[in-house]
N, C-alpha and C. Protein backbone atom coordinates (compact mmCIF):
# COMPACT_ATOMS: atom_id res chain seq x y z
N MET A 1 43.61 17.64 3.52
CA MET A 1 43.58 16.55 2.23
C MET A 1 42.03 16.41 2.47
N ALA A 2 41.71 15.73 1.08
CA ALA A 2 40.04 15.63 1.33
C ALA A 2 40.22 14.16 1.63
N LYS A 3 39.25 13.85 2.08
CA LYS A 3 38.61 12.26 2.50
C LYS A 3 38.16 11.75 1.74
N LEU A 4 38.46 10.78 1.15
CA LEU A 4 37.85 9.80 -0.12
C LEU A 4 37.35 8.87 0.61
N ASN A 5 36.19 8.58 -0.39
CA ASN A 5 35.13 7.83 -0.62
C ASN A 5 35.77 6.40 -0.88
N CYS A 6 34.77 5.62 -0.65
CA CYS A 6 35.33 3.93 -1.06
C CYS A 6 35.47 3.69 -2.64
N TRP A 7 34.73 4.63 -3.41
CA TRP A 7 34.84 3.94 -5.37
C TRP A 7 36.13 4.97 -5.48
N GLU A 8 36.17 5.99 -4.68
CA GLU A 8 37.52 6.90 -4.79
C GLU A 8 38.86 5.66 -4.58
N PHE A 9 38.40 5.40 -3.50
CA PHE A 9 39.95 4.53 -2.95
C PHE A 9 40.07 3.11 -3.63
N GLU A 10 38.56 2.43 -3.82
CA GLU A 10 39.30 1.25 -4.38
C GLU A 10 39.02 1.31 -6.10
N LYS A 11 38.49 2.72 -6.79
CA LYS A 11 38.91 2.95 -8.03
C LYS A 11 38.02 2.02 -8.98
N CYS A 12 36.60 1.63 -8.55
CA CYS A 12 35.37 0.42 -8.63
C CYS A 12 34.71 1.10 -9.91
N GLY A 13 34.66 2.19 -10.29
CA GLY A 13 33.84 2.77 -11.10
C GLY A 13 32.47 2.68 -11.03
N ARG A 14 31.88 2.49 -9.92
CA ARG A 14 30.85 2.20 -9.54
C ARG A 14 29.65 3.26 -9.05
N HIS A 15 30.17 4.51 -9.11
CA HIS A 15 29.82 5.56 -8.73
C HIS A 15 28.88 6.36 -9.72
N PRO A 16 27.67 7.09 -9.62
CA PRO A 16 27.36 7.35 -10.54
C PRO A 16 28.00 8.27 -11.74
N GLY A 17 28.03 8.04 -13.04
CA GLY A 17 29.06 8.37 -13.92
C GLY A 17 30.17 7.84 -14.29
N GLY A 18 29.94 6.40 -13.52
CA GLY A 18 31.46 5.82 -13.16
C GLY A 18 31.56 4.85 -14.55
N MET A 19 32.70 4.68 -14.61
CA MET A 19 33.27 3.77 -15.90
C MET A 19 32.64 2.41 -16.01
N ASN A 20 32.05 1.75 -14.90
CA ASN A 20 31.62 0.47 -14.60
C ASN A 20 30.03 -0.03 -14.50
N VAL A 21 29.22 1.37 -14.54
CA VAL A 21 28.26 1.27 -14.36
C VAL A 21 27.06 0.46 -14.96
N LYS A 22 27.88 0.86 -16.42
CA LYS A 22 27.01 0.26 -17.79
C LYS A 22 26.82 -0.98 -17.24
N GLU A 23 28.45 -2.07 -17.19
CA GLU A 23 28.12 -3.42 -16.69
C GLU A 23 27.83 -3.53 -15.63
N LEU A 24 28.16 -3.07 -14.46
CA LEU A 24 28.05 -3.40 -13.13
C LEU A 24 26.67 -2.75 -12.44
N GLY A 25 26.41 -2.04 -12.73
CA GLY A 25 25.21 -1.03 -12.09
C GLY A 25 26.46 0.01 -11.25
N VAL A 26 25.31 0.94 -10.33
CA VAL A 26 25.81 1.92 -9.53
C VAL A 26 25.73 1.00 -7.98
N CYS A 27 26.69 1.32 -7.32
CA CYS A 27 27.06 0.59 -6.05
C CYS A 27 25.95 1.24 -5.34
N PRO A 28 25.22 0.46 -4.16
CA PRO A 28 24.31 1.30 -3.15
C PRO A 28 25.33 1.98 -2.31
N ALA A 29 26.40 2.10 -1.89
CA ALA A 29 27.48 2.78 -1.40
C ALA A 29 26.90 4.11 -1.61
N ALA A 30 27.19 4.35 -3.07
CA ALA A 30 27.23 5.55 -3.71
C ALA A 30 26.19 6.37 -3.87
N THR A 31 24.95 5.86 -3.29
CA THR A 31 23.32 6.29 -3.95
C THR A 31 23.11 6.58 -2.09
N GLU A 32 23.51 5.52 -1.56
CA GLU A 32 22.89 5.57 -0.02
C GLU A 32 22.89 7.10 0.51
N LYS A 33 21.68 7.80 0.42
CA LYS A 33 21.64 9.41 0.65
C LYS A 33 21.52 9.12 2.60
N ARG A 34 21.10 7.74 3.15
CA ARG A 34 20.74 8.31 4.40
C ARG A 34 22.23 8.01 5.46
N ALA A 35 22.84 7.87 4.51
CA ALA A 35 24.46 8.02 5.07
C ALA A 35 25.61 9.26 4.71
N HIS A 36 24.60 10.05 3.98
CA HIS A 36 25.30 11.02 3.54
C HIS A 36 26.25 11.83 4.60
N GLY A 37 27.60 12.20 4.76
CA GLY A 37 27.91 13.03 6.11
C GLY A 37 28.71 11.65 6.89
N ILE A 38 28.48 10.77 7.34
CA ILE A 38 28.29 9.62 7.92
C ILE A 38 30.17 9.77 7.58
N ASN A 39 31.18 9.69 8.92
CA ASN A 39 32.33 9.71 8.47
C ASN A 39 33.12 10.50 7.73
N GLY A 40 32.43 11.85 7.10
CA GLY A 40 32.75 12.72 6.03
C GLY A 40 32.39 12.30 4.78
N GLY A 41 31.58 11.27 4.55
CA GLY A 41 31.51 10.74 3.09
C GLY A 41 30.45 11.37 2.35
N ILE A 42 30.96 11.36 1.30
CA ILE A 42 29.47 11.56 0.08
C ILE A 42 28.63 10.22 0.44
N ASN A 43 27.08 10.66 0.77
CA ASN A 43 26.43 9.68 0.69
C ASN A 43 26.80 8.15 1.90
N GLY A 44 27.11 7.22 0.94
CA GLY A 44 27.71 6.13 1.77
C GLY A 44 29.19 5.53 2.01
N GLY A 45 29.84 6.77 1.32
CA GLY A 45 31.08 6.32 0.90
C GLY A 45 32.19 6.40 1.58
N ARG A 46 31.73 6.70 3.00
CA ARG A 46 32.61 6.16 3.97
C ARG A 46 32.00 5.56 5.27
N ALA A 47 30.73 4.94 4.92
CA ALA A 47 30.26 4.06 5.59
C ALA A 47 29.70 2.56 4.86
N CYS A 48 30.63 2.32 3.96
CA CYS A 48 29.94 1.06 2.91
C CYS A 48 29.99 0.16 3.60
N TRP A 49 30.81 -0.39 4.82
CA TRP A 49 30.75 -1.56 5.29
C TRP A 49 29.22 -1.86 5.94
N ALA A 50 28.42 -0.95 6.43
CA ALA A 50 27.09 -0.88 6.81
C ALA A 50 25.86 -0.84 5.77
N ILE A 51 26.44 -0.95 4.86
CA ILE A 51 25.43 -0.85 3.30
C ILE A 51 25.61 -2.19 2.92
N ALA A 52 24.43 -2.81 2.45
CA ALA A 52 24.40 -4.17 1.98
C ALA A 52 24.36 -4.40 0.26
N GLY A 53 24.82 -5.37 0.11
CA GLY A 53 24.67 -4.83 -1.56
C GLY A 53 26.49 -4.35 -2.22
N THR A 54 27.03 -3.93 -1.34
CA THR A 54 27.95 -3.24 -1.89
C THR A 54 28.55 -4.23 -2.99
N PHE A 55 29.78 -3.30 -3.83
CA PHE A 55 30.70 -4.36 -4.82
C PHE A 55 32.06 -4.05 -4.27
N CYS A 56 32.98 -5.23 -3.66
CA CYS A 56 34.37 -4.87 -3.32
C CYS A 56 34.95 -6.16 -4.16
N LYS A 57 36.11 -5.81 -4.19
CA LYS A 57 36.94 -6.86 -4.49
C LYS A 57 36.31 -7.76 -5.78
N GLY A 58 36.16 -6.59 -6.43
CA GLY A 58 35.19 -7.86 -7.78
C GLY A 58 34.16 -8.64 -7.47
N LYS A 59 33.48 -8.28 -6.39
CA LYS A 59 32.09 -9.16 -6.07
C LYS A 59 30.96 -8.60 -4.99
N THR A 60 30.04 -9.16 -5.65
CA THR A 60 28.88 -8.36 -4.91
C THR A 60 28.80 -8.80 -3.43
N GLN A 61 28.55 -7.91 -2.37
CA GLN A 61 28.34 -8.31 -0.89
C GLN A 61 27.25 -8.42 -0.57
N GLY A 62 26.84 -9.50 0.77
CA GLY A 62 25.62 -9.41 0.80
C GLY A 62 25.41 -8.80 1.75
N THR A 63 24.38 -8.90 2.76
CA THR A 63 23.50 -8.52 4.07
C THR A 63 25.11 -8.11 5.11
N VAL A 64 24.65 -6.64 5.79
CA VAL A 64 25.72 -6.12 6.38
C VAL A 64 26.56 -7.56 7.62
N ALA A 65 25.51 -8.23 7.73
CA ALA A 65 26.37 -9.05 8.55
C ALA A 65 27.17 -10.20 8.03
N GLU A 66 26.67 -10.50 6.54
CA GLU A 66 27.45 -11.22 5.94
C GLU A 66 28.53 -10.87 5.59
N LYS A 67 28.75 -9.67 5.17
CA LYS A 67 30.04 -9.40 4.99
C LYS A 67 30.87 -8.30 5.71
N MET A 68 30.65 -8.22 6.85
CA MET A 68 31.35 -7.86 8.01
C MET A 68 32.84 -8.31 8.27
N GLY A 69 33.04 -9.60 7.98
CA GLY A 69 34.36 -10.15 8.23
C GLY A 69 35.09 -9.70 6.74
N THR A 70 34.97 -9.43 6.15
CA THR A 70 35.53 -8.96 4.77
C THR A 70 35.76 -7.74 4.79
N CYS A 71 34.88 -6.60 5.40
CA CYS A 71 34.78 -5.12 5.70
C CYS A 71 36.10 -4.74 6.89
N LEU A 72 36.26 -6.05 8.01
CA LEU A 72 36.73 -5.82 8.98
C LEU A 72 38.62 -5.94 8.71
N ARG A 73 38.75 -6.44 7.50
CA ARG A 73 39.95 -6.87 6.66
C ARG A 73 40.42 -5.72 5.50
N CYS A 74 39.57 -4.73 5.65
CA CYS A 74 39.42 -3.73 4.44
C CYS A 74 40.57 -3.00 4.57
N ASP A 75 41.60 -2.74 3.79
CA ASP A 75 42.21 -1.30 3.71
C ASP A 75 41.64 0.03 3.97
N PHE A 76 40.88 0.25 3.18
CA PHE A 76 39.88 1.36 3.12
C PHE A 76 39.13 1.43 4.54
N TYR A 77 38.32 0.31 5.32
CA TYR A 77 37.58 0.33 6.21
C TYR A 77 38.81 0.91 7.36
N HIS A 78 40.44 0.51 7.42
CA HIS A 78 41.13 0.89 8.34
C HIS A 78 41.45 2.56 8.45
N LEU A 79 41.76 2.85 6.82
CA LEU A 79 41.85 4.02 6.54
C LEU A 79 40.79 5.21 7.32
N VAL A 80 39.62 4.66 6.89
CA VAL A 80 38.41 5.57 7.41
C VAL A 80 38.81 5.48 9.10
N ARG A 81 38.48 4.68 9.83
CA ARG A 81 38.88 4.52 11.28
C ARG A 81 40.07 5.44 11.47
N THR A 82 41.14 4.88 11.08
CA THR A 82 41.97 6.14 11.43
C THR A 82 42.03 7.46 11.38
N GLU A 83 41.37 8.11 10.53
CA GLU A 83 41.09 9.35 9.72
C GLU A 83 40.25 9.68 10.75
N GLU A 84 39.23 9.24 10.94
CA GLU A 84 37.93 9.61 12.15
C GLU A 84 38.47 9.24 13.47
N ASN A 85 39.23 8.51 14.12
CA ASN A 85 39.80 8.38 15.31
C ASN A 85 38.16 8.43 16.11
N ALA A 86 38.16 9.04 16.98
CA ALA A 86 37.07 9.20 18.37
C ALA A 86 35.73 9.24 17.04
N GLN A 87 35.92 9.66 16.21
CA GLN A 87 34.94 10.54 15.94
C GLN A 87 34.06 8.96 14.65
N PHE A 88 34.85 8.33 14.49
CA PHE A 88 34.45 6.90 13.41
C PHE A 88 33.04 6.41 14.09
N LYS A 89 32.11 6.40 12.98
CA LYS A 89 31.04 5.77 13.71
C LYS A 89 30.86 4.25 13.16
N THR A 90 30.63 3.37 13.98
CA THR A 90 30.52 1.81 13.84
C THR A 90 29.21 1.47 12.97
N SER A 91 29.34 -0.01 12.60
CA SER A 91 28.13 -0.26 11.84
C SER A 91 26.94 -0.02 12.55
N ARG A 92 26.89 -0.24 13.71
CA ARG A 92 25.66 -0.22 14.70
C ARG A 92 25.13 1.13 14.71
N GLU A 93 26.03 2.04 14.71
CA GLU A 93 25.96 3.59 14.73
C GLU A 93 25.03 4.29 13.56
N ILE A 94 26.16 3.40 12.35
CA ILE A 94 25.31 3.89 11.16
C ILE A 94 23.89 3.06 10.85
N LEU A 95 23.57 2.22 11.07
CA LEU A 95 22.06 1.36 10.91
C LEU A 95 21.38 2.13 11.34
N LYS A 96 21.57 2.76 13.12
CA LYS A 96 20.66 3.42 13.85
C LYS A 96 20.60 4.62 12.99
N ILE A 97 21.59 5.30 12.53
CA ILE A 97 21.35 6.68 11.61
C ILE A 97 20.32 6.40 10.01
N MET A 98 20.34 5.58 9.90
CA MET A 98 19.75 5.24 8.79
C MET A 98 18.36 4.71 8.79
N GLY A 99 18.16 4.40 10.06
CA GLY A 99 17.18 3.80 10.58
C GLY A 99 16.71 1.75 10.54
N GLU A 100 17.62 1.57 10.39
CA GLU A 100 17.86 0.30 10.24
C GLU A 100 17.65 -0.94 11.45
N LEU A 101 17.75 -0.08 12.42
CA LEU A 101 18.22 -0.76 14.11
C LEU A 101 17.16 0.19 14.90
């Protein structure tokens, strides 16, 4: 089974070519190339909790620190954590890979 990216799971339509791009813009997770491949995702599609400014549950999120509480309660976050198991990359690991730490 293919691994879902956040925009597929949430059906937000904010990926390039998505139905909500014209109105809401492209989500940073969908274009964050430094996160490509992390947790098996396309760009930041399976690392969204470590990418600032994502659009979740109808609201633009802030910095990684500001949104972490919301992300830790997110069904998609828990899905990726379960699917990746021991290979799961945490926010800290993702930020290091992206050169943010």
